[in-house]
Amino acid sequence: MEYRKMEQKDKGLESKSSESLQSINKRETLERDDRLQAMGWMVTKIVHDVRNPLGSIELISSLLKKELAGDHDKQELLGHIIYGVRNIDTVLSNLLHFTKLPKPRLEPENIGAIIEGSLDDVSYLINKKYISVNKCFPDNLQINCDKTLIRQVFLNLFLNSLQAMTDGGNLSVEVFKDEDNNGIVISVQDTGSGMDSKDIDKIFDPFFTTKEKGSGLGLTIVHNIMSAHKWTIKAYSKPGDGSIFVMNLPSKGGE
């Protein structure tokens, strides 16, 4: 009898201990959510305040570039400013997407036009590094997606590829229909330095980077946006042979 009483007492203590632990975990989760929400508001405010003057700088620089159409040297300097502004804007967008889970607004969009627009945003870096761009996608292919978010995906993938190529190289973008699975496949490939298997397993982790410069958020944002669209992305790479990112879209993400 004495043993049973002690056993019941132990079970009672275990139950109270478990309830206390659950209460502590719940409180810590709420506190963490509050901190993340506060961080999200702060980031949104900072991004808004920084983007206003950035927009003016890009607009004025673009107008000056048109005015100086015959002056190659000054046009190149202005191109450098415009690229710098767009690069800062990309970092700000990544911060926003990192602090707030992307919520896609799906609409039929021309995937070729999104790719062309993203390539135009990094054209300064493409020309500066003497990168050859190979494009292959069907005309007027419509895909259900959030145009702004998918443009951010291509921008981050292109910047990742361009930063991996130091002395020229090839950047290839291909879109084709996967007839077997009734879906669409999109790939972005470069001939850069590549990565070993140890690094490739971590590339979508927040703040992981193999570069001297870089926040380590670009590919994390790519993965988050892919997941929000219910698409998948895989990366393949080998040191010295470059990298390829392959995105698979289900049938409902197609035409």
C-alpha atoms as a PDB file:
ATOM      1  CA  MET A   1       0.000   0.000   0.000  1.00  0.00           C
ATOM      2  CA  GLU A   2       2.788   2.374   0.913  1.00  0.00           C
ATOM      3  CA  TYR A   3       4.442   1.675  -2.449  1.00  0.00           C
ATOM      4  CA  ARG A   4       1.210   2.520  -4.338  1.00  0.00           C
ATOM      5  CA  LYS A   5       0.854   5.807  -2.456  1.00  0.00           C
ATOM      6  CA  MET A   6       4.438   6.756  -3.361  1.00  0.00           C
ATOM      7  CA  GLU A   7       3.818   5.770  -6.999  1.00  0.00           C
ATOM      8  CA  GLN A   8       0.684   7.945  -7.155  1.00  0.00           C
ATOM      9  CA  LYS A   9       2.588  10.814  -5.556  1.00  0.00           C
ATOM     10  CA  ASP A  10       5.352  10.495  -8.181  1.00  0.00           C
ATOM     11  CA  LYS A  11       2.793  10.476 -11.012  1.00  0.00           C
ATOM     12  CA  GLY A  12       1.182  13.579  -9.548  1.00  0.00           C
ATOM     13  CA  LEU A  13       4.529  15.350  -9.418  1.00  0.00           C
ATOM     14  CA  GLU A  14       5.328  14.288 -13.012  1.00  0.00           C
ATOM     15  CA  SER A  15       1.962  15.615 -14.181  1.00  0.00           C
ATOM     16  CA  LYS A  16       2.483  18.969 -12.438  1.00  0.00           C
ATOM     17  CA  SER A  17       6.030  19.169 -13.808  1.00  0.00           C
ATOM     18  CA  SER A  18       4.785  18.458 -17.352  1.00  0.00           C
ATOM     19  CA  GLU A  19       2.053  21.126 -17.035  1.00  0.00           C
ATOM     20  CA  SER A  20       4.608  23.646 -15.754  1.00  0.00           C
ATOM     21  CA  LEU A  21       6.949  22.844 -18.666  1.00  0.00           C
ATOM     22  CA  GLN A  22       4.123  23.239 -21.185  1.00  0.00           C
ATOM     23  CA  SER A  23       3.171  26.552 -19.602  1.00  0.00           C
ATOM     24  CA  ILE A  24       6.777  27.811 -19.817  1.00  0.00           C
ATOM     25  CA  ASN A  25       7.075  26.670 -23.465  1.00  0.00           C
ATOM     26  CA  LYS A  26       3.776  28.368 -24.334  1.00  0.00           C
ATOM     27  CA  ARG A  27       4.878  31.605 -22.664  1.00  0.00           C
ATOM     28  CA  GLU A  28       8.271  31.513 -24.437  1.00  0.00           C
ATOM     29  CA  THR A  29       6.551  30.870 -27.796  1.00  0.00           C
ATOM     30  CA  LEU A  30       4.212  33.845 -27.283  1.00  0.00           C
ATOM     31  CA  GLU A  31       7.143  36.072 -26.256  1.00  0.00           C
ATOM     32  CA  ARG A  32       9.133  34.962 -29.325  1.00  0.00           C
ATOM     33  CA  ASP A  33       6.138  35.603 -31.614  1.00  0.00           C
ATOM     34  CA  ASP A  34       5.752  39.082 -30.089  1.00  0.00           C
ATOM     35  CA  ARG A  35       9.453  39.815 -30.704  1.00  0.00           C
ATOM     36  CA  LEU A  36       9.240  38.581 -34.312  1.00  0.00           C
ATOM     37  CA  GLN A  37       6.109  40.663 -34.901  1.00  0.00           C
ATOM     38  CA  ALA A  38       7.831  43.744 -33.463  1.00  0.00           C
ATOM     39  CA  MET A  39      10.881  43.034 -35.643  1.00  0.00           C
ATOM     40  CA  GLY A  40       8.600  42.720 -38.688  1.00  0.00           C
ATOM     41  CA  TRP A  41       7.008  46.123 -37.982  1.00  0.00           C
ATOM     42  CA  MET A  42      10.419  47.708 -37.442  1.00  0.00           C
ATOM     43  CA  VAL A  43      11.816  46.236 -40.681  1.00  0.00           C
ATOM     44  CA  THR A  44       8.717  47.366 -42.615  1.00  0.00           C
ATOM     45  CA  LYS A  45       9.133  50.939 -41.311  1.00  0.00           C
ATOM     46  CA  ILE A  46      12.875  51.039 -42.074  1.00  0.00           C
ATOM     47  CA  VAL A  47      12.384  49.573 -45.559  1.00  0.00           C
ATOM     48  CA  HIS A  48       9.674  52.139 -46.309  1.00  0.00           C
ATOM     49  CA  ASP A  49      11.863  55.040 -45.131  1.00  0.00           C
ATOM     50  CA  VAL A  50      14.920  53.835 -47.088  1.00  0.00           C
ATOM     51  CA  ARG A  51      13.031  53.036 -50.297  1.00  0.00           C
ATOM     52  CA  ASN A  52      11.620  56.530 -50.768  1.00  0.00           C
ATOM     53  CA  PRO A  53      15.000  58.266 -51.326  1.00  0.00           C
ATOM     54  CA  LEU A  54      16.284  55.201 -53.215  1.00  0.00           C
ATOM     55  CA  GLY A  55      13.436  55.539 -55.716  1.00  0.00           C
ATOM     56  CA  SER A  56      14.334  59.183 -56.316  1.00  0.00           C
ATOM     57  CA  ILE A  57      18.036  58.337 -56.808  1.00  0.00           C
ATOM     58  CA  GLU A  58      17.212  55.603 -59.356  1.00  0.00           C
ATOM     59  CA  LEU A  59      14.743  57.842 -61.244  1.00  0.00           C
ATOM     60  CA  ILE A  60      17.150  60.787 -61.483  1.00  0.00           C
ATOM     61  CA  SER A  61      20.069  58.515 -62.446  1.00  0.00           C
ATOM     62  CA  SER A  62      17.986  56.890 -65.200  1.00  0.00           C
ATOM     63  CA  LEU A  63      16.977  60.319 -66.583  1.00  0.00           C
ATOM     64  CA  LEU A  64      20.616  61.485 -66.523  1.00  0.00           C
ATOM     65  CA  LYS A  65      21.685  58.298 -68.304  1.00  0.00           C
ATOM     66  CA  LYS A  66      19.286  59.084 -71.155  1.00  0.00           C
ATOM     67  CA  GLU A  67      20.520  62.686 -71.306  1.00  0.00           C
ATOM     68  CA  LEU A  68      24.130  61.477 -71.548  1.00  0.00           C
ATOM     69  CA  ALA A  69      23.468  58.971 -74.338  1.00  0.00           C
ATOM     70  CA  GLY A  70      26.681  59.922 -76.187  1.00  0.00           C
ATOM     71  CA  ASP A  71      29.009  59.871 -73.159  1.00  0.00           C
ATOM     72  CA  HIS A  72      29.971  56.243 -72.538  1.00  0.00           C
ATOM     73  CA  ASP A  73      32.124  56.869 -69.446  1.00  0.00           C
ATOM     74  CA  LYS A  74      29.467  58.873 -67.603  1.00  0.00           C
ATOM     75  CA  GLN A  75      26.777  56.406 -68.651  1.00  0.00           C
ATOM     76  CA  GLU A  76      28.854  53.607 -67.117  1.00  0.00           C
ATOM     77  CA  LEU A  77      29.168  55.533 -63.845  1.00  0.00           C
ATOM     78  CA  LEU A  78      25.414  56.098 -63.748  1.00  0.00           C
ATOM     79  CA  GLY A  79      24.856  52.420 -64.542  1.00  0.00           C
ATOM     80  CA  HIS A  80      26.947  51.594 -61.491  1.00  0.00           C
ATOM     81  CA  ILE A  81      24.743  53.853 -59.320  1.00  0.00           C
ATOM     82  CA  ILE A  82      21.521  52.329 -60.711  1.00  0.00           C
ATOM     83  CA  TYR A  83      22.799  48.791 -60.111  1.00  0.00           C
ATOM     84  CA  GLY A  84      23.816  49.747 -56.553  1.00  0.00           C
ATOM     85  CA  VAL A  85      20.347  51.138 -55.847  1.00  0.00           C
ATOM     86  CA  ARG A  86      18.650  48.017 -57.228  1.00  0.00           C
ATOM     87  CA  ASN A  87      20.998  45.821 -55.201  1.00  0.00           C
ATOM     88  CA  ILE A  88      20.057  47.656 -51.993  1.00  0.00           C
ATOM     89  CA  ASP A  89      16.383  47.275 -52.944  1.00  0.00           C
ATOM     90  CA  THR A  90      16.910  43.516 -53.327  1.00  0.00           C
ATOM     91  CA  VAL A  91      18.453  43.326 -49.838  1.00  0.00           C
ATOM     92  CA  LEU A  92      15.493  45.271 -48.416  1.00  0.00           C
ATOM     93  CA  SER A  93      13.017  42.938 -50.144  1.00  0.00           C
ATOM     94  CA  ASN A  94      14.844  39.905 -48.720  1.00  0.00           C
ATOM     95  CA  LEU A  95      14.617  41.390 -45.220  1.00  0.00           C
ATOM     96  CA  LEU A  96      10.868  41.936 -45.646  1.00  0.00           C
ATOM     97  CA  HIS A  97      10.305  38.402 -46.921  1.00  0.00           C
ATOM     98  CA  PHE A  98      12.439  36.962 -44.104  1.00  0.00           C
ATOM     99  CA  THR A  99      10.498  38.660 -41.318  1.00  0.00           C
ATOM    100  CA  LYS A 100       7.094  38.019 -42.902  1.00  0.00           C
ATOM    101  CA  LEU A 101       6.012  34.705 -44.410  1.00  0.00           C
ATOM    102  CA  PRO A 102       5.262  35.287 -48.123  1.00  0.00           C
ATOM    103  CA  LYS A 103       1.546  35.110 -49.013  1.00  0.00           C
ATOM    104  CA  PRO A 104       1.333  34.763 -52.820  1.00  0.00           C
ATOM    105  CA  ARG A 105      -1.482  36.418 -54.778  1.00  0.00           C
ATOM    106  CA  LEU A 106      -1.798  34.003 -57.671  1.00  0.00           C
ATOM    107  CA  GLU A 107      -2.615  35.340 -61.119  1.00  0.00           C
ATOM    108  CA  PRO A 108      -1.781  34.134 -64.643  1.00  0.00           C
ATOM    109  CA  GLU A 109       1.571  35.713 -65.513  1.00  0.00           C
ATOM    110  CA  ASN A 110       3.912  35.535 -68.499  1.00  0.00           C
ATOM    111  CA  ILE A 111       6.926  33.680 -67.077  1.00  0.00           C
ATOM    112  CA  GLY A 112       9.165  34.824 -69.956  1.00  0.00           C
ATOM    113  CA  ALA A 113       8.426  38.488 -69.171  1.00  0.00           C
ATOM    114  CA  ILE A 114       9.242  37.943 -65.475  1.00  0.00           C
ATOM    115  CA  ILE A 115      12.589  36.354 -66.391  1.00  0.00           C
ATOM    116  CA  GLU A 116      13.436  39.153 -68.855  1.00  0.00           C
ATOM    117  CA  GLY A 117      12.616  41.801 -66.234  1.00  0.00           C
ATOM    118  CA  SER A 118      14.819  40.105 -63.627  1.00  0.00           C
ATOM    119  CA  LEU A 119      17.697  39.801 -66.111  1.00  0.00           C
ATOM    120  CA  ASP A 120      17.344  43.498 -66.887  1.00  0.00           C
ATOM    121  CA  ASP A 121      17.743  44.310 -63.180  1.00  0.00           C
ATOM    122  CA  VAL A 122      21.155  42.577 -63.123  1.00  0.00           C
ATOM    123  CA  SER A 123      22.231  43.623 -66.658  1.00  0.00           C
ATOM    124  CA  TYR A 124      24.906  45.942 -65.289  1.00  0.00           C
ATOM    125  CA  LEU A 125      26.621  43.057 -63.469  1.00  0.00           C
ATOM    126  CA  ILE A 126      26.175  40.746 -66.497  1.00  0.00           C
ATOM    127  CA  ASN A 127      27.928  43.255 -68.772  1.00  0.00           C
ATOM    128  CA  LYS A 128      30.603  44.123 -66.217  1.00  0.00           C
ATOM    129  CA  LYS A 129      31.570  40.446 -65.749  1.00  0.00           C
ATOM    130  CA  TYR A 130      31.298  39.582 -69.479  1.00  0.00           C
ATOM    131  CA  ILE A 131      28.693  36.891 -68.789  1.00  0.00           C
ATOM    132  CA  SER A 132      26.923  35.200 -71.707  1.00  0.00           C
ATOM    133  CA  VAL A 133      23.202  34.663 -71.131  1.00  0.00           C
ATOM    134  CA  ASN A 134      21.384  31.731 -72.742  1.00  0.00           C
ATOM    135  CA  LYS A 135      17.587  31.816 -72.618  1.00  0.00           C
ATOM    136  CA  CYS A 136      15.165  29.132 -73.692  1.00  0.00           C
ATOM    137  CA  PHE A 137      11.468  29.381 -72.855  1.00  0.00           C
ATOM    138  CA  PRO A 138       8.165  29.121 -74.774  1.00  0.00           C
ATOM    139  CA  ASP A 139       6.535  32.337 -75.996  1.00  0.00           C
ATOM    140  CA  ASN A 140       3.645  33.667 -73.902  1.00  0.00           C
ATOM    141  CA  LEU A 141       3.691  30.780 -71.418  1.00  0.00           C
ATOM    142  CA  GLN A 142       1.255  31.739 -68.618  1.00  0.00           C
ATOM    143  CA  ILE A 143       1.877  30.468 -65.087  1.00  0.00           C
ATOM    144  CA  ASN A 144      -0.235  31.006 -61.962  1.00  0.00           C
ATOM    145  CA  CYS A 145       2.076  32.836 -59.580  1.00  0.00           C
ATOM    146  CA  ASP A 146       2.719  36.021 -57.625  1.00  0.00           C
ATOM    147  CA  LYS A 147       4.689  38.125 -60.104  1.00  0.00           C
ATOM    148  CA  THR A 148       6.497  40.228 -57.475  1.00  0.00           C
ATOM    149  CA  LEU A 149       7.574  37.206 -55.422  1.00  0.00           C
ATOM    150  CA  ILE A 150       8.700  35.124 -58.414  1.00  0.00           C
ATOM    151  CA  ARG A 151      10.664  38.080 -59.768  1.00  0.00           C
ATOM    152  CA  GLN A 152      12.445  38.161 -56.386  1.00  0.00           C
ATOM    153  CA  VAL A 153      13.221  34.446 -56.789  1.00  0.00           C
ATOM    154  CA  PHE A 154      14.878  34.968 -60.188  1.00  0.00           C
ATOM    155  CA  LEU A 155      16.692  38.069 -58.969  1.00  0.00           C
ATOM    156  CA  ASN A 156      18.195  36.174 -56.030  1.00  0.00           C
ATOM    157  CA  LEU A 157      19.120  33.157 -58.179  1.00  0.00           C
ATOM    158  CA  PHE A 158      20.726  35.356 -60.869  1.00  0.00           C
ATOM    159  CA  LEU A 159      22.719  37.326 -58.276  1.00  0.00           C
ATOM    160  CA  ASN A 160      23.841  34.083 -56.652  1.00  0.00           C
ATOM    161  CA  SER A 161      25.032  32.764 -60.034  1.00  0.00           C
ATOM    162  CA  LEU A 162      26.719  36.019 -61.074  1.00  0.00           C
ATOM    163  CA  GLN A 163      28.572  36.272 -57.761  1.00  0.00           C
ATOM    164  CA  ALA A 164      29.883  32.727 -58.301  1.00  0.00           C
ATOM    165  CA  MET A 165      31.424  33.675 -61.677  1.00  0.00           C
ATOM    166  CA  THR A 166      34.510  35.911 -61.455  1.00  0.00           C
ATOM    167  CA  ASP A 167      36.105  35.727 -64.933  1.00  0.00           C
ATOM    168  CA  GLY A 168      33.215  35.511 -67.392  1.00  0.00           C
ATOM    169  CA  GLY A 169      31.017  32.464 -67.834  1.00  0.00           C
ATOM    170  CA  ASN A 170      27.567  31.369 -68.905  1.00  0.00           C
ATOM    171  CA  LEU A 171      24.203  31.929 -67.236  1.00  0.00           C
ATOM    172  CA  SER A 172      21.449  29.722 -68.629  1.00  0.00           C
ATOM    173  CA  VAL A 173      17.693  29.942 -67.976  1.00  0.00           C
ATOM    174  CA  GLU A 174      15.397  27.271 -69.342  1.00  0.00           C
ATOM    175  CA  VAL A 175      11.651  26.684 -69.018  1.00  0.00           C
ATOM    176  CA  PHE A 176       9.979  23.574 -70.429  1.00  0.00           C
ATOM    177  CA  LYS A 177       6.853  21.484 -69.972  1.00  0.00           C
ATOM    178  CA  ASP A 178       7.189  18.225 -68.067  1.00  0.00           C
ATOM    179  CA  GLU A 179       4.766  16.113 -70.091  1.00  0.00           C
ATOM    180  CA  ASP A 180       5.228  13.020 -67.886  1.00  0.00           C
ATOM    181  CA  ASN A 181       4.132  14.822 -64.717  1.00  0.00           C
ATOM    182  CA  ASN A 182       1.869  17.441 -66.348  1.00  0.00           C
ATOM    183  CA  GLY A 183       3.937  20.212 -64.842  1.00  0.00           C
ATOM    184  CA  ILE A 184       6.569  22.790 -65.718  1.00  0.00           C
ATOM    185  CA  VAL A 185      10.301  22.764 -64.992  1.00  0.00           C
ATOM    186  CA  ILE A 186      12.436  25.903 -64.683  1.00  0.00           C
ATOM    187  CA  SER A 187      16.210  25.776 -64.332  1.00  0.00           C
ATOM    188  CA  VAL A 188      18.886  28.395 -63.661  1.00  0.00           C
ATOM    189  CA  GLN A 189      22.440  27.228 -64.325  1.00  0.00           C
ATOM    190  CA  ASP A 190      25.853  28.885 -64.088  1.00  0.00           C
ATOM    191  CA  THR A 191      29.448  27.949 -64.854  1.00  0.00           C
ATOM    192  CA  GLY A 192      30.781  29.414 -61.604  1.00  0.00           C
ATOM    193  CA  SER A 193      32.946  28.012 -58.847  1.00  0.00           C
ATOM    194  CA  GLY A 194      30.367  25.466 -57.677  1.00  0.00           C
ATOM    195  CA  MET A 195      30.044  23.987 -54.184  1.00  0.00           C
ATOM    196  CA  ASP A 196      30.855  20.708 -52.489  1.00  0.00           C
ATOM    197  CA  SER A 197      28.190  18.375 -51.096  1.00  0.00           C
ATOM    198  CA  LYS A 198      28.743  19.623 -47.540  1.00  0.00           C
ATOM    199  CA  ASP A 199      27.780  23.183 -48.487  1.00  0.00           C
ATOM    200  CA  ILE A 200      24.995  22.307 -50.928  1.00  0.00           C
ATOM    201  CA  ASP A 201      23.009  20.720 -48.071  1.00  0.00           C
ATOM    202  CA  LYS A 202      23.010  24.041 -46.189  1.00  0.00           C
ATOM    203  CA  ILE A 203      22.491  26.616 -48.920  1.00  0.00           C
ATOM    204  CA  PHE A 204      18.813  27.206 -48.103  1.00  0.00           C
ATOM    205  CA  ASP A 205      19.568  27.676 -44.378  1.00  0.00           C
ATOM    206  CA  PRO A 206      19.257  31.280 -43.086  1.00  0.00           C
ATOM    207  CA  PHE A 207      22.543  33.226 -42.924  1.00  0.00           C
ATOM    208  CA  PHE A 208      24.590  30.429 -44.523  1.00  0.00           C
ATOM    209  CA  THR A 209      26.960  31.724 -47.177  1.00  0.00           C
ATOM    210  CA  THR A 210      30.223  30.641 -48.778  1.00  0.00           C
ATOM    211  CA  LYS A 211      30.915  34.162 -50.055  1.00  0.00           C
ATOM    212  CA  GLU A 212      32.952  36.880 -48.371  1.00  0.00           C
ATOM    213  CA  LYS A 213      30.121  39.325 -49.052  1.00  0.00           C
ATOM    214  CA  GLY A 214      26.483  38.397 -48.705  1.00  0.00           C
ATOM    215  CA  SER A 215      23.770  38.186 -46.071  1.00  0.00           C
ATOM    216  CA  GLY A 216      23.060  34.491 -46.553  1.00  0.00           C
ATOM    217  CA  LEU A 217      19.342  35.288 -46.924  1.00  0.00           C
ATOM    218  CA  GLY A 218      18.876  35.260 -50.722  1.00  0.00           C
ATOM    219  CA  LEU A 219      18.502  31.496 -51.207  1.00  0.00           C
ATOM    220  CA  THR A 220      16.493  31.165 -47.969  1.00  0.00           C
ATOM    221  CA  ILE A 221      13.992  33.641 -49.405  1.00  0.00           C
ATOM    222  CA  VAL A 222      13.944  31.682 -52.675  1.00  0.00           C
ATOM    223  CA  HIS A 223      13.084  28.492 -50.773  1.00  0.00           C
ATOM    224  CA  ASN A 224      10.399  30.248 -48.673  1.00  0.00           C
ATOM    225  CA  ILE A 225       8.714  31.727 -51.763  1.00  0.00           C
ATOM    226  CA  MET A 226       8.842  28.352 -53.538  1.00  0.00           C
ATOM    227  CA  SER A 227       7.203  26.677 -50.533  1.00  0.00           C
ATOM    228  CA  ALA A 228       4.535  29.409 -50.323  1.00  0.00           C
ATOM    229  CA  HIS A 229       3.685  28.686 -53.994  1.00  0.00           C
ATOM    230  CA  LYS A 230       3.743  24.911 -53.258  1.00  0.00           C
ATOM    231  CA  TRP A 231       6.538  24.551 -55.796  1.00  0.00           C
ATOM    232  CA  THR A 232       9.793  22.684 -55.123  1.00  0.00           C
ATOM    233  CA  ILE A 233      13.403  23.640 -55.750  1.00  0.00           C
ATOM    234  CA  LYS A 234      16.545  21.525 -55.704  1.00  0.00           C
ATOM    235  CA  ALA A 235      20.178  22.517 -56.138  1.00  0.00           C
ATOM    236  CA  TYR A 236      22.945  20.500 -57.742  1.00  0.00           C
ATOM    237  CA  SER A 237      26.575  21.586 -57.736  1.00  0.00           C
ATOM    238  CA  LYS A 238      30.154  20.414 -58.013  1.00  0.00           C
ATOM    239  CA  PRO A 239      33.333  22.365 -57.258  1.00  0.00           C
ATOM    240  CA  GLY A 240      34.671  23.843 -60.507  1.00  0.00           C
ATOM    241  CA  ASP A 241      31.635  22.793 -62.561  1.00  0.00           C
ATOM    242  CA  GLY A 242      29.091  25.430 -61.504  1.00  0.00           C
ATOM    243  CA  SER A 243      25.614  24.991 -60.049  1.00  0.00           C
ATOM    244  CA  ILE A 244      22.087  24.403 -61.286  1.00  0.00           C
ATOM    245  CA  PHE A 245      18.822  25.175 -59.494  1.00  0.00           C
ATOM    246  CA  VAL A 246      15.777  23.231 -60.708  1.00  0.00           C
ATOM    247  CA  MET A 247      12.232  24.343 -59.863  1.00  0.00           C
ATOM    248  CA  ASN A 248       9.275  22.012 -60.379  1.00  0.00           C
ATOM    249  CA  LEU A 249       5.782  23.426 -60.728  1.00  0.00           C
ATOM    250  CA  PRO A 250       2.705  21.198 -60.300  1.00  0.00           C
ATOM    251  CA  SER A 251       0.009  21.100 -62.949  1.00  0.00           C
ATOM    252  CA  LYS A 252      -2.133  23.734 -61.202  1.00  0.00           C
ATOM    253  CA  GLY A 253       0.853  26.067 -61.315  1.00  0.00           C
ATOM    254  CA  GLY A 254       0.969  25.732 -65.102  1.00  0.00           C
ATOM    255  CA  GLU A 255      -1.215  27.086 -67.851  1.00  0.00           C
END
